[in-house]
């Protein structure tokens, strides 16, 4: 690399690092204070930059919030898509495999605590949030994951493990039966359940799901 290239690349790296610092700080502040109460001044202080620097990267709080929720949701979705691939890539025992999948599925609640702090605030403030930000969150995260899980459940039906004329609906029912109670009782990860309690919920949910959707034994 020539000295001229190094000189050119250095400012670019600096800009990227500042942008990352801003979005990390914004995720912390939005997750703690919510969208309405969060201020650019507070985000600047958390990031260790000036408010002018934030406005140089983002036109205002709305765009910053939209960017943060989209990037955060995409990161969590990538982790959940990986869980689908690893845990449901090859099913040999529906009850055991779906139970292991569901237990892995609820684990990101603690792994991505900052993200689920954002989700708590989104649920509390939805009526006051920019619609574009809500759409960005859904498209980057929940809708991507729901589509992938529905597709996989359709494949399980084709393989003879499930009877699911509407795989997307079956996937939604599975999440409701296995993950929603864990999510709600832990307040979206704010007060994580111990493993035994989470496992009890998941096992009961998987069994209820299979009573409704299991294909006749081969």
N, C-alpha and C. Protein backbone atom coordinates (compact mmCIF):
# COMPACT_ATOMS: atom_id res chain seq x y z
N UNK A 1 0.85 -1.19 0.00
CA UNK A 1 0.00 0.00 0.00
C UNK A 1 0.89 1.24 0.00
N UNK A 2 0.60 2.18 -0.89
CA UNK A 2 1.40 3.40 -0.97
C UNK A 2 1.02 4.35 0.15
N UNK A 3 1.89 5.33 0.40
CA UNK A 3 1.60 6.32 1.44
C UNK A 3 0.35 7.11 1.10
N UNK A 4 0.12 7.34 -0.22
CA UNK A 4 -1.09 8.07 -0.62
C UNK A 4 -2.34 7.26 -0.28
N UNK A 5 -2.30 5.93 -0.55
CA UNK A 5 -3.45 5.08 -0.21
C UNK A 5 -3.70 5.07 1.29
N UNK A 6 -2.61 4.99 2.07
CA UNK A 6 -2.75 5.00 3.53
C UNK A 6 -3.39 6.29 4.00
N UNK A 7 -2.98 7.40 3.40
CA UNK A 7 -3.55 8.71 3.77
C UNK A 7 -5.02 8.77 3.43
N UNK A 8 -5.42 8.17 2.29
CA UNK A 8 -6.83 8.17 1.87
C UNK A 8 -7.67 7.25 2.75
N UNK A 9 -7.11 6.07 3.07
CA UNK A 9 -7.88 5.08 3.83
C UNK A 9 -8.07 5.47 5.29
N UNK A 10 -7.11 6.22 5.84
CA UNK A 10 -7.18 6.55 7.26
C UNK A 10 -8.44 7.33 7.62
N UNK A 11 -8.78 8.39 6.87
CA UNK A 11 -10.03 9.11 7.18
C UNK A 11 -11.27 8.25 7.02
N UNK A 12 -11.24 7.34 6.01
CA UNK A 12 -12.40 6.46 5.81
C UNK A 12 -12.60 5.55 7.01
N UNK A 13 -11.49 5.00 7.51
CA UNK A 13 -11.58 4.15 8.70
C UNK A 13 -12.10 4.95 9.88
N UNK A 14 -11.62 6.18 10.00
CA UNK A 14 -12.07 7.04 11.10
C UNK A 14 -13.56 7.32 11.02
N UNK A 15 -14.06 7.58 9.81
CA UNK A 15 -15.49 7.83 9.64
C UNK A 15 -16.31 6.60 10.00
N UNK A 16 -15.84 5.43 9.54
CA UNK A 16 -16.57 4.18 9.83
C UNK A 16 -16.58 3.90 11.33
N UNK A 17 -15.46 4.14 11.98
CA UNK A 17 -15.39 3.89 13.43
C UNK A 17 -16.30 4.84 14.19
N UNK A 18 -16.35 6.11 13.75
CA UNK A 18 -17.24 7.06 14.42
C UNK A 18 -18.70 6.68 14.21
N UNK A 19 -19.01 6.23 12.99
CA UNK A 19 -20.40 5.82 12.74
C UNK A 19 -20.78 4.64 13.63
N UNK A 20 -19.88 3.67 13.77
CA UNK A 20 -20.15 2.52 14.63
C UNK A 20 -20.31 2.95 16.09
N UNK A 21 -19.48 3.89 16.51
CA UNK A 21 -19.59 4.39 17.89
C UNK A 21 -20.94 5.07 18.11
N UNK A 22 -21.39 5.81 17.10
CA UNK A 22 -22.68 6.51 17.20
C UNK A 22 -23.83 5.51 17.27
N UNK A 23 -23.82 4.51 16.39
CA UNK A 23 -24.94 3.56 16.39
C UNK A 23 -24.95 2.69 17.65
N UNK A 24 -23.76 2.32 18.14
CA UNK A 24 -23.70 1.57 19.41
C UNK A 24 -24.28 2.40 20.55
N UNK A 25 -23.86 3.66 20.61
CA UNK A 25 -24.36 4.55 21.67
C UNK A 25 -25.86 4.77 21.53
N UNK A 26 -26.32 4.94 20.30
CA UNK A 26 -27.75 5.17 20.08
C UNK A 26 -28.57 3.96 20.50
N UNK A 27 -28.07 2.77 20.22
CA UNK A 27 -28.79 1.56 20.64
C UNK A 27 -28.91 1.52 22.16
N UNK A 28 -27.84 1.88 22.85
CA UNK A 28 -27.87 1.92 24.32
C UNK A 28 -28.87 2.94 24.82
N UNK A 29 -28.82 4.15 24.27
CA UNK A 29 -29.68 5.23 24.76
C UNK A 29 -31.14 4.98 24.39
N UNK A 30 -31.40 4.56 23.15
CA UNK A 30 -32.79 4.27 22.76
C UNK A 30 -33.35 3.11 23.58
N UNK A 31 -32.53 2.10 23.84
CA UNK A 31 -32.98 0.97 24.65
C UNK A 31 -33.25 1.35 26.09
N UNK A 32 -32.51 2.33 26.59
CA UNK A 32 -32.66 2.76 27.98
C UNK A 32 -33.78 3.78 28.14
N UNK A 33 -33.82 4.77 27.24
CA UNK A 33 -34.73 5.91 27.40
C UNK A 33 -35.95 5.87 26.49
N UNK A 34 -35.92 5.03 25.46
CA UNK A 34 -36.99 5.05 24.47
C UNK A 34 -36.73 6.11 23.43
N UNK A 35 -37.50 6.06 22.35
CA UNK A 35 -37.30 7.01 21.25
C UNK A 35 -37.70 8.42 21.65
N UNK A 36 -38.84 8.57 22.27
CA UNK A 36 -39.37 9.90 22.56
C UNK A 36 -38.46 10.68 23.50
N UNK A 37 -37.97 10.02 24.54
CA UNK A 37 -37.18 10.72 25.56
C UNK A 37 -35.70 10.83 25.18
N UNK A 38 -35.23 9.98 24.30
CA UNK A 38 -33.81 10.01 23.93
C UNK A 38 -33.49 11.32 23.20
N UNK A 39 -32.31 11.84 23.45
CA UNK A 39 -31.89 13.08 22.79
C UNK A 39 -30.58 12.87 22.07
N UNK A 40 -30.36 13.68 21.04
CA UNK A 40 -29.09 13.63 20.32
C UNK A 40 -27.94 13.98 21.26
N UNK A 41 -28.18 14.91 22.18
CA UNK A 41 -27.14 15.27 23.15
C UNK A 41 -26.72 14.05 23.98
N UNK A 42 -27.70 13.27 24.45
CA UNK A 42 -27.39 12.09 25.26
C UNK A 42 -26.63 11.05 24.44
N UNK A 43 -27.02 10.88 23.18
CA UNK A 43 -26.34 9.91 22.32
C UNK A 43 -24.91 10.36 22.04
N UNK A 44 -24.74 11.66 21.80
CA UNK A 44 -23.39 12.19 21.57
C UNK A 44 -22.50 11.97 22.78
N UNK A 45 -23.04 12.20 23.97
CA UNK A 45 -22.26 12.00 25.19
C UNK A 45 -21.89 10.53 25.36
N UNK A 46 -22.84 9.63 25.08
CA UNK A 46 -22.58 8.19 25.20
C UNK A 46 -21.51 7.75 24.20
N UNK A 47 -21.54 8.33 23.00
CA UNK A 47 -20.60 7.94 21.94
C UNK A 47 -19.25 8.64 22.06
N UNK A 48 -19.20 9.72 22.85
CA UNK A 48 -17.96 10.48 22.96
C UNK A 48 -17.67 11.31 21.73
N UNK A 49 -18.74 11.78 21.07
CA UNK A 49 -18.58 12.63 19.89
C UNK A 49 -19.43 13.88 20.07
N UNK A 50 -19.29 14.82 19.15
CA UNK A 50 -20.10 16.03 19.21
C UNK A 50 -21.44 15.79 18.52
N UNK A 51 -22.42 16.61 18.84
CA UNK A 51 -23.71 16.50 18.15
C UNK A 51 -23.53 16.79 16.66
N UNK A 52 -22.61 17.70 16.32
CA UNK A 52 -22.35 17.99 14.90
C UNK A 52 -21.89 16.74 14.17
N UNK A 53 -21.06 15.93 14.83
CA UNK A 53 -20.59 14.69 14.20
C UNK A 53 -21.77 13.77 13.91
N UNK A 54 -22.71 13.68 14.83
CA UNK A 54 -23.89 12.84 14.59
C UNK A 54 -24.67 13.35 13.39
N UNK A 55 -24.88 14.67 13.32
CA UNK A 55 -25.64 15.22 12.21
C UNK A 55 -24.87 15.12 10.89
N UNK A 56 -23.56 14.99 10.95
CA UNK A 56 -22.79 14.76 9.72
C UNK A 56 -23.03 13.36 9.16
N UNK A 57 -23.38 12.43 10.04
CA UNK A 57 -23.63 11.04 9.62
C UNK A 57 -25.12 10.77 9.39
N UNK A 58 -25.97 11.41 10.16
CA UNK A 58 -27.42 11.17 10.11
C UNK A 58 -28.14 12.52 10.11
N UNK A 59 -29.23 12.61 9.39
CA UNK A 59 -29.93 13.89 9.30
C UNK A 59 -30.66 14.26 10.58
N UNK A 60 -30.92 13.28 11.43
CA UNK A 60 -31.62 13.58 12.67
C UNK A 60 -31.93 12.32 13.45
N UNK A 61 -32.69 12.47 14.51
CA UNK A 61 -32.97 11.35 15.41
C UNK A 61 -33.77 10.26 14.71
N UNK A 62 -34.71 10.65 13.85
CA UNK A 62 -35.56 9.64 13.20
C UNK A 62 -34.73 8.70 12.33
N UNK A 63 -33.85 9.26 11.50
CA UNK A 63 -33.02 8.41 10.64
C UNK A 63 -32.06 7.57 11.47
N UNK A 64 -31.51 8.15 12.53
CA UNK A 64 -30.61 7.39 13.39
C UNK A 64 -31.33 6.22 14.04
N UNK A 65 -32.54 6.45 14.53
CA UNK A 65 -33.32 5.38 15.15
C UNK A 65 -33.64 4.29 14.12
N UNK A 66 -34.05 4.71 12.94
CA UNK A 66 -34.38 3.74 11.89
C UNK A 66 -33.16 2.88 11.54
N UNK A 67 -32.01 3.52 11.45
CA UNK A 67 -30.77 2.80 11.14
C UNK A 67 -30.43 1.80 12.24
N UNK A 68 -30.54 2.25 13.48
CA UNK A 68 -30.19 1.40 14.62
C UNK A 68 -31.11 0.18 14.69
N UNK A 69 -32.42 0.38 14.57
CA UNK A 69 -33.33 -0.76 14.70
C UNK A 69 -33.16 -1.72 13.52
N UNK A 70 -32.90 -1.18 12.33
CA UNK A 70 -32.70 -2.06 11.18
C UNK A 70 -31.43 -2.89 11.33
N UNK A 71 -30.33 -2.26 11.70
CA UNK A 71 -29.06 -2.99 11.83
C UNK A 71 -29.10 -3.97 13.00
N UNK A 72 -29.71 -3.57 14.10
CA UNK A 72 -29.80 -4.44 15.26
C UNK A 72 -30.69 -5.65 14.96
N UNK A 73 -31.83 -5.40 14.31
CA UNK A 73 -32.73 -6.50 13.96
C UNK A 73 -32.08 -7.46 12.98
N UNK A 74 -31.31 -6.93 12.05
CA UNK A 74 -30.63 -7.79 11.07
C UNK A 74 -29.60 -8.68 11.75
N UNK A 75 -28.90 -8.14 12.74
CA UNK A 75 -27.90 -8.92 13.46
C UNK A 75 -28.55 -10.08 14.22
N UNK A 76 -29.66 -9.80 14.90
CA UNK A 76 -30.36 -10.85 15.64
C UNK A 76 -30.97 -11.86 14.67
N UNK A 77 -31.52 -11.36 13.56
CA UNK A 77 -32.11 -12.27 12.56
C UNK A 77 -31.06 -13.22 12.01
N UNK A 78 -29.86 -12.72 11.75
CA UNK A 78 -28.79 -13.59 11.25
C UNK A 78 -28.50 -14.73 12.24
N UNK A 79 -28.49 -14.39 13.53
CA UNK A 79 -28.26 -15.42 14.55
C UNK A 79 -29.41 -16.43 14.57
N UNK A 80 -30.65 -15.95 14.42
CA UNK A 80 -31.79 -16.86 14.43
C UNK A 80 -31.83 -17.73 13.18
N UNK A 81 -31.46 -17.16 12.04
CA UNK A 81 -31.40 -17.96 10.82
C UNK A 81 -30.35 -19.06 10.94
N UNK A 82 -29.25 -18.75 11.60
CA UNK A 82 -28.22 -19.75 11.84
C UNK A 82 -28.75 -20.88 12.73
N UNK A 83 -29.56 -20.52 13.73
CA UNK A 83 -30.15 -21.53 14.61
C UNK A 83 -31.08 -22.45 13.81
N UNK A 84 -31.89 -21.86 12.92
CA UNK A 84 -32.78 -22.67 12.09
C UNK A 84 -31.97 -23.67 11.27
N UNK A 85 -30.89 -23.18 10.67
CA UNK A 85 -30.06 -24.04 9.82
C UNK A 85 -29.39 -25.14 10.63
N UNK A 86 -28.84 -24.79 11.78
CA UNK A 86 -28.09 -25.77 12.57
C UNK A 86 -28.99 -26.79 13.26
N UNK A 87 -30.11 -26.30 13.81
CA UNK A 87 -30.95 -27.17 14.63
C UNK A 87 -32.02 -27.92 13.84
N UNK A 88 -32.44 -27.36 12.71
CA UNK A 88 -33.50 -28.01 11.93
C UNK A 88 -33.03 -28.44 10.56
N UNK A 89 -31.72 -28.38 10.33
CA UNK A 89 -31.20 -28.79 9.03
C UNK A 89 -31.44 -30.26 8.75
N UNK A 90 -31.36 -31.08 9.80
CA UNK A 90 -31.62 -32.53 9.65
C UNK A 90 -32.39 -32.99 10.88
N UNK A 91 -33.65 -33.33 10.68
CA UNK A 91 -34.51 -33.78 11.77
C UNK A 91 -34.65 -35.29 11.71
N UNK A 92 -34.39 -35.95 12.84
CA UNK A 92 -34.55 -37.40 12.93
C UNK A 92 -35.53 -37.80 14.03
N UNK A 93 -35.72 -36.91 15.00
CA UNK A 93 -36.66 -37.13 16.11
C UNK A 93 -37.37 -35.80 16.35
N UNK A 94 -38.60 -35.65 15.84
CA UNK A 94 -39.26 -34.34 15.89
C UNK A 94 -39.32 -33.72 17.28
N UNK A 95 -39.70 -34.50 18.30
CA UNK A 95 -39.83 -33.90 19.63
C UNK A 95 -38.47 -33.45 20.17
N UNK A 96 -37.48 -34.30 20.07
CA UNK A 96 -36.15 -33.95 20.59
C UNK A 96 -35.54 -32.80 19.80
N UNK A 97 -35.66 -32.85 18.48
CA UNK A 97 -35.02 -31.83 17.64
C UNK A 97 -35.73 -30.48 17.76
N UNK A 98 -37.06 -30.49 17.82
CA UNK A 98 -37.79 -29.23 17.98
C UNK A 98 -37.57 -28.64 19.37
N UNK A 99 -37.41 -29.49 20.38
CA UNK A 99 -37.12 -28.99 21.73
C UNK A 99 -35.75 -28.33 21.77
N UNK A 100 -34.75 -28.99 21.19
CA UNK A 100 -33.40 -28.40 21.15
C UNK A 100 -33.40 -27.10 20.38
N UNK A 101 -34.15 -27.07 19.28
CA UNK A 101 -34.26 -25.84 18.48
C UNK A 101 -34.89 -24.72 19.29
N UNK A 102 -35.99 -25.00 19.97
CA UNK A 102 -36.68 -23.95 20.73
C UNK A 102 -35.83 -23.42 21.88
N UNK A 103 -35.09 -24.29 22.54
CA UNK A 103 -34.21 -23.84 23.63
C UNK A 103 -33.11 -22.93 23.09
N UNK A 104 -32.57 -23.28 21.93
CA UNK A 104 -31.57 -22.42 21.30
C UNK A 104 -32.21 -21.11 20.84
N UNK A 105 -33.45 -21.17 20.41
CA UNK A 105 -34.18 -20.01 19.89
C UNK A 105 -34.36 -18.93 20.96
N UNK A 106 -34.65 -19.34 22.19
CA UNK A 106 -34.89 -18.34 23.24
C UNK A 106 -33.59 -17.82 23.84
N UNK A 107 -32.47 -18.49 23.59
CA UNK A 107 -31.19 -18.06 24.17
C UNK A 107 -30.77 -16.66 23.74
N UNK A 108 -30.99 -16.21 22.48
CA UNK A 108 -30.56 -14.87 22.09
C UNK A 108 -31.19 -13.74 22.90
N UNK A 109 -32.23 -14.03 23.67
CA UNK A 109 -32.81 -12.99 24.52
C UNK A 109 -31.75 -12.41 25.45
N UNK A 110 -30.87 -13.24 25.96
CA UNK A 110 -29.81 -12.74 26.84
C UNK A 110 -28.56 -12.37 26.04
N UNK A 111 -28.32 -13.09 24.95
CA UNK A 111 -27.13 -12.82 24.14
C UNK A 111 -27.21 -11.44 23.49
N UNK A 112 -28.41 -11.01 23.12
CA UNK A 112 -28.60 -9.71 22.47
C UNK A 112 -29.44 -8.80 23.36
N UNK A 113 -28.97 -8.60 24.57
CA UNK A 113 -29.74 -7.83 25.56
C UNK A 113 -30.04 -6.42 25.08
N UNK A 114 -29.06 -5.76 24.44
CA UNK A 114 -29.29 -4.39 23.97
C UNK A 114 -30.41 -4.35 22.94
N UNK A 115 -30.43 -5.34 22.05
CA UNK A 115 -31.48 -5.36 21.02
C UNK A 115 -32.86 -5.51 21.66
N UNK A 116 -32.97 -6.43 22.61
CA UNK A 116 -34.29 -6.65 23.20
C UNK A 116 -34.69 -5.52 24.13
N UNK A 117 -33.71 -4.73 24.60
CA UNK A 117 -34.04 -3.48 25.25
C UNK A 117 -34.74 -2.54 24.28
N UNK A 118 -34.24 -2.50 23.05
CA UNK A 118 -34.90 -1.71 22.00
C UNK A 118 -36.31 -2.23 21.74
N UNK A 119 -36.45 -3.55 21.67
CA UNK A 119 -37.76 -4.14 21.39
C UNK A 119 -38.76 -3.79 22.48
N UNK A 120 -38.33 -3.80 23.73
CA UNK A 120 -39.23 -3.40 24.82
C UNK A 120 -39.72 -1.97 24.62
N UNK A 121 -38.81 -1.09 24.22
CA UNK A 121 -39.20 0.30 24.01
C UNK A 121 -40.11 0.44 22.79
N UNK A 122 -39.83 -0.33 21.75
CA UNK A 122 -40.68 -0.29 20.55
C UNK A 122 -42.10 -0.71 20.90
N UNK A 123 -42.24 -1.78 21.68
CA UNK A 123 -43.58 -2.24 22.07
C UNK A 123 -44.30 -1.20 22.92
N UNK A 124 -43.56 -0.51 23.76
CA UNK A 124 -44.17 0.48 24.64
C UNK A 124 -44.55 1.76 23.89
N UNK A 125 -43.78 2.10 22.85
CA UNK A 125 -43.95 3.40 22.20
C UNK A 125 -44.46 3.30 20.76
N UNK A 126 -44.93 2.15 20.34
CA UNK A 126 -45.22 1.93 18.92
C UNK A 126 -46.06 3.04 18.30
N UNK A 127 -47.05 3.53 19.01
CA UNK A 127 -47.94 4.56 18.45
C UNK A 127 -47.21 5.88 18.20
N UNK A 128 -46.08 6.08 18.86
CA UNK A 128 -45.36 7.35 18.75
C UNK A 128 -44.09 7.24 17.91
N UNK A 129 -43.87 6.08 17.32
CA UNK A 129 -42.64 5.87 16.56
C UNK A 129 -42.87 6.12 15.07
N UNK A 130 -41.82 6.54 14.35
CA UNK A 130 -41.94 6.71 12.90
C UNK A 130 -42.30 5.38 12.24
N UNK A 131 -43.31 5.40 11.37
CA UNK A 131 -43.74 4.17 10.70
C UNK A 131 -42.59 3.55 9.89
N UNK A 132 -41.76 4.40 9.30
CA UNK A 132 -40.63 3.89 8.51
C UNK A 132 -39.69 3.06 9.38
N UNK A 133 -39.50 3.47 10.62
CA UNK A 133 -38.62 2.73 11.52
C UNK A 133 -39.22 1.38 11.88
N UNK A 134 -40.53 1.35 12.13
CA UNK A 134 -41.19 0.08 12.44
C UNK A 134 -41.12 -0.88 11.25
N UNK A 135 -41.33 -0.35 10.05
CA UNK A 135 -41.25 -1.18 8.85
C UNK A 135 -39.84 -1.71 8.64
N UNK A 136 -38.84 -0.84 8.88
CA UNK A 136 -37.44 -1.25 8.72
C UNK A 136 -37.10 -2.37 9.68
N UNK A 137 -37.57 -2.25 10.91
CA UNK A 137 -37.34 -3.29 11.93
C UNK A 137 -37.96 -4.62 11.49
N UNK A 138 -39.22 -4.58 11.07
CA UNK A 138 -39.91 -5.81 10.67
C UNK A 138 -39.25 -6.46 9.46
N UNK A 139 -38.91 -5.65 8.46
CA UNK A 139 -38.32 -6.21 7.24
C UNK A 139 -36.94 -6.80 7.50
N UNK A 140 -36.14 -6.14 8.31
CA UNK A 140 -34.77 -6.61 8.56
C UNK A 140 -34.73 -7.82 9.48
N UNK A 141 -35.73 -7.94 10.37
CA UNK A 141 -35.67 -8.98 11.38
C UNK A 141 -36.83 -9.95 11.36
N UNK A 142 -37.93 -9.63 12.05
CA UNK A 142 -39.01 -10.61 12.24
C UNK A 142 -39.57 -11.21 10.96
N UNK A 143 -39.78 -10.42 9.91
CA UNK A 143 -40.36 -10.99 8.69
C UNK A 143 -39.39 -11.93 7.99
N UNK A 144 -38.12 -11.58 7.98
CA UNK A 144 -37.11 -12.47 7.39
C UNK A 144 -37.10 -13.82 8.10
N UNK A 145 -37.10 -13.75 9.42
CA UNK A 145 -37.00 -14.97 10.22
C UNK A 145 -38.28 -15.80 10.08
N UNK A 146 -39.43 -15.15 10.12
CA UNK A 146 -40.70 -15.87 9.99
C UNK A 146 -40.78 -16.59 8.65
N UNK A 147 -40.34 -15.92 7.59
CA UNK A 147 -40.37 -16.54 6.27
C UNK A 147 -39.46 -17.77 6.22
N UNK A 148 -38.27 -17.66 6.80
CA UNK A 148 -37.33 -18.78 6.79
C UNK A 148 -37.84 -19.95 7.62
N UNK A 149 -38.44 -19.65 8.78
CA UNK A 149 -38.96 -20.72 9.62
C UNK A 149 -40.15 -21.39 8.96
N UNK A 150 -41.01 -20.60 8.33
CA UNK A 150 -42.14 -21.18 7.60
C UNK A 150 -41.67 -22.08 6.47
N UNK A 151 -40.64 -21.65 5.76
CA UNK A 151 -40.10 -22.49 4.69
C UNK A 151 -39.56 -23.81 5.23
N UNK A 152 -38.86 -23.74 6.35
CA UNK A 152 -38.30 -24.97 6.93
C UNK A 152 -39.40 -25.90 7.42
N UNK A 153 -40.47 -25.34 8.01
CA UNK A 153 -41.57 -26.18 8.45
C UNK A 153 -42.28 -26.81 7.25
N UNK A 154 -42.33 -26.09 6.14
CA UNK A 154 -42.87 -26.67 4.92
C UNK A 154 -42.05 -27.87 4.46
N UNK A 155 -40.73 -27.74 4.58
CA UNK A 155 -39.85 -28.86 4.22
C UNK A 155 -40.03 -30.05 5.16
N UNK A 156 -40.26 -29.76 6.44
CA UNK A 156 -40.52 -30.85 7.39
C UNK A 156 -41.83 -31.56 7.05
N UNK A 157 -42.80 -30.79 6.56
CA UNK A 157 -44.06 -31.42 6.13
C UNK A 157 -43.82 -32.29 4.89
N UNK A 158 -43.03 -31.78 3.95
CA UNK A 158 -42.72 -32.56 2.75
C UNK A 158 -41.96 -33.84 3.10
N UNK A 159 -41.15 -33.76 4.15
CA UNK A 159 -40.38 -34.94 4.58
C UNK A 159 -41.21 -35.92 5.40
N UNK A 160 -42.47 -35.56 5.68
CA UNK A 160 -43.35 -36.48 6.39
C UNK A 160 -43.34 -36.36 7.89
N UNK A 161 -42.70 -35.31 8.43
CA UNK A 161 -42.67 -35.15 9.89
C UNK A 161 -43.86 -34.36 10.42
N UNK A 162 -44.38 -33.44 9.62
CA UNK A 162 -45.49 -32.60 10.06
C UNK A 162 -46.64 -32.67 9.07
N UNK A 163 -47.84 -32.40 9.55
CA UNK A 163 -48.99 -32.14 8.69
C UNK A 163 -49.30 -30.65 8.82
N UNK A 164 -48.86 -29.89 7.84
CA UNK A 164 -48.96 -28.43 7.93
C UNK A 164 -49.35 -27.86 6.57
N UNK A 165 -50.65 -27.80 6.27
CA UNK A 165 -51.09 -27.23 5.00
C UNK A 165 -50.63 -25.78 4.82
N UNK A 166 -50.52 -25.05 5.94
CA UNK A 166 -50.03 -23.67 5.91
C UNK A 166 -48.78 -23.62 6.80
N UNK A 167 -47.60 -23.86 6.22
CA UNK A 167 -46.38 -23.92 7.03
C UNK A 167 -46.07 -22.62 7.78
N UNK A 168 -46.39 -21.50 7.16
CA UNK A 168 -46.15 -20.22 7.83
C UNK A 168 -46.97 -20.09 9.10
N UNK A 169 -48.22 -20.53 9.03
CA UNK A 169 -49.08 -20.48 10.22
C UNK A 169 -48.60 -21.49 11.26
N UNK A 170 -48.17 -22.66 10.81
CA UNK A 170 -47.64 -23.65 11.75
C UNK A 170 -46.41 -23.11 12.47
N UNK A 171 -45.54 -22.42 11.73
CA UNK A 171 -44.34 -21.84 12.35
C UNK A 171 -44.72 -20.78 13.37
N UNK A 172 -45.73 -19.97 13.04
CA UNK A 172 -46.18 -18.94 13.99
C UNK A 172 -46.74 -19.59 15.25
N UNK A 173 -47.50 -20.67 15.09
CA UNK A 173 -48.05 -21.38 16.25
C UNK A 173 -46.92 -21.97 17.10
N UNK A 174 -45.90 -22.49 16.44
CA UNK A 174 -44.77 -23.07 17.17
C UNK A 174 -44.10 -22.01 18.05
N UNK A 175 -43.85 -20.85 17.48
CA UNK A 175 -43.21 -19.77 18.24
C UNK A 175 -44.09 -19.34 19.40
N UNK A 176 -45.39 -19.23 19.16
CA UNK A 176 -46.31 -18.84 20.24
C UNK A 176 -46.30 -19.85 21.38
N UNK A 177 -46.26 -21.13 21.03
CA UNK A 177 -46.32 -22.18 22.06
C UNK A 177 -45.02 -22.37 22.82
N UNK A 178 -43.90 -22.07 22.18
CA UNK A 178 -42.61 -22.38 22.81
C UNK A 178 -41.83 -21.16 23.28
N UNK A 179 -41.90 -20.06 22.55
CA UNK A 179 -41.03 -18.91 22.85
C UNK A 179 -41.75 -17.72 23.46
N UNK A 180 -43.01 -17.52 23.11
CA UNK A 180 -43.69 -16.31 23.54
C UNK A 180 -43.80 -16.21 25.05
N UNK A 181 -44.12 -17.32 25.72
CA UNK A 181 -44.24 -17.26 27.18
C UNK A 181 -42.89 -16.93 27.82
N UNK A 182 -41.82 -17.51 27.30
CA UNK A 182 -40.48 -17.19 27.82
C UNK A 182 -40.19 -15.71 27.62
N UNK A 183 -40.51 -15.22 26.44
CA UNK A 183 -40.27 -13.80 26.12
C UNK A 183 -41.04 -12.89 27.06
N UNK A 184 -42.32 -13.17 27.23
CA UNK A 184 -43.16 -12.29 28.05
C UNK A 184 -42.80 -12.37 29.53
N UNK A 185 -42.57 -13.59 30.03
CA UNK A 185 -42.27 -13.73 31.45
C UNK A 185 -40.90 -13.17 31.82
N UNK A 186 -40.01 -13.10 30.84
CA UNK A 186 -38.69 -12.52 31.10
C UNK A 186 -38.64 -11.04 30.73
N UNK A 187 -39.81 -10.49 30.32
CA UNK A 187 -39.88 -9.09 29.88
C UNK A 187 -38.83 -8.83 28.80
N UNK A 188 -38.89 -9.66 27.76
CA UNK A 188 -37.99 -9.54 26.62
C UNK A 188 -36.53 -9.55 27.06
N UNK A 189 -36.22 -10.47 27.97
CA UNK A 189 -34.84 -10.67 28.38
C UNK A 189 -34.36 -9.79 29.52
N UNK A 190 -35.20 -8.89 30.02
CA UNK A 190 -34.77 -8.00 31.12
C UNK A 190 -34.53 -8.80 32.40
N UNK A 191 -35.36 -9.82 32.63
CA UNK A 191 -35.22 -10.68 33.81
C UNK A 191 -35.23 -12.13 33.34
N UNK A 192 -34.09 -12.62 32.85
CA UNK A 192 -34.04 -13.95 32.24
C UNK A 192 -34.54 -15.05 33.18
N UNK A 193 -35.29 -15.99 32.61
CA UNK A 193 -35.71 -17.16 33.37
C UNK A 193 -34.52 -18.11 33.52
N UNK A 194 -34.53 -18.90 34.59
CA UNK A 194 -33.46 -19.90 34.69
C UNK A 194 -33.75 -21.01 33.68
N UNK A 195 -32.72 -21.78 33.37
CA UNK A 195 -32.84 -22.77 32.29
C UNK A 195 -33.93 -23.78 32.56
N UNK A 196 -34.08 -24.23 33.81
CA UNK A 196 -35.08 -25.24 34.13
C UNK A 196 -36.48 -24.73 33.84
N UNK A 197 -36.74 -23.47 34.19
CA UNK A 197 -38.06 -22.89 33.95
C UNK A 197 -38.32 -22.73 32.46
N UNK A 198 -37.31 -22.23 31.74
CA UNK A 198 -37.46 -22.08 30.29
C UNK A 198 -37.67 -23.43 29.62
N UNK A 199 -36.94 -24.43 30.08
CA UNK A 199 -37.05 -25.76 29.49
C UNK A 199 -38.43 -26.36 29.74
N UNK A 200 -38.99 -26.14 30.91
CA UNK A 200 -40.33 -26.65 31.21
C UNK A 200 -41.36 -26.05 30.24
N UNK A 201 -41.24 -24.75 30.00
CA UNK A 201 -42.16 -24.08 29.07
C UNK A 201 -41.99 -24.62 27.66
N UNK A 202 -40.75 -24.75 27.23
CA UNK A 202 -40.45 -25.20 25.87
C UNK A 202 -40.93 -26.63 25.65
N UNK A 203 -40.64 -27.52 26.57
CA UNK A 203 -41.04 -28.93 26.42
C UNK A 203 -42.56 -29.05 26.31
N UNK A 204 -43.28 -28.34 27.17
CA UNK A 204 -44.74 -28.38 27.11
C UNK A 204 -45.24 -27.80 25.79
N UNK A 205 -44.61 -26.74 25.32
CA UNK A 205 -45.02 -26.12 24.06
C UNK A 205 -44.79 -27.01 22.87
N UNK A 206 -43.64 -27.68 22.83
CA UNK A 206 -43.34 -28.59 21.72
C UNK A 206 -44.34 -29.74 21.70
N UNK A 207 -44.66 -30.28 22.85
CA UNK A 207 -45.62 -31.39 22.89
C UNK A 207 -47.01 -30.95 22.43
N UNK A 208 -47.42 -29.76 22.84
CA UNK A 208 -48.71 -29.24 22.39
C UNK A 208 -48.70 -29.02 20.87
N UNK A 209 -47.60 -28.50 20.36
CA UNK A 209 -47.48 -28.27 18.92
C UNK A 209 -47.58 -29.59 18.16
N UNK A 210 -46.88 -30.61 18.63
CA UNK A 210 -46.88 -31.88 17.91
C UNK A 210 -48.23 -32.59 18.00
N UNK A 211 -48.96 -32.35 19.07
CA UNK A 211 -50.32 -32.93 19.14
C UNK A 211 -51.18 -32.36 18.01
N UNK A 212 -50.91 -31.13 17.64
CA UNK A 212 -51.70 -30.49 16.58
C UNK A 212 -51.13 -30.75 15.19
N UNK A 213 -49.81 -30.86 15.08
CA UNK A 213 -49.19 -30.85 13.75
C UNK A 213 -48.38 -32.08 13.38
N UNK A 214 -48.13 -32.99 14.30
CA UNK A 214 -47.31 -34.16 13.95
C UNK A 214 -48.01 -35.02 12.91
N UNK A 215 -47.25 -35.47 11.93
CA UNK A 215 -47.79 -36.40 10.95
C UNK A 215 -47.94 -37.78 11.59
N UNK A 216 -48.84 -38.61 11.08
CA UNK A 216 -48.97 -39.97 11.62
C UNK A 216 -47.62 -40.68 11.58
N UNK A 217 -47.38 -41.51 12.59
CA UNK A 217 -46.10 -42.22 12.66
C UNK A 217 -45.89 -43.05 11.41
N UNK A 218 -44.64 -43.05 10.97
CA UNK A 218 -44.33 -43.78 9.74
C UNK A 218 -44.36 -45.29 9.99
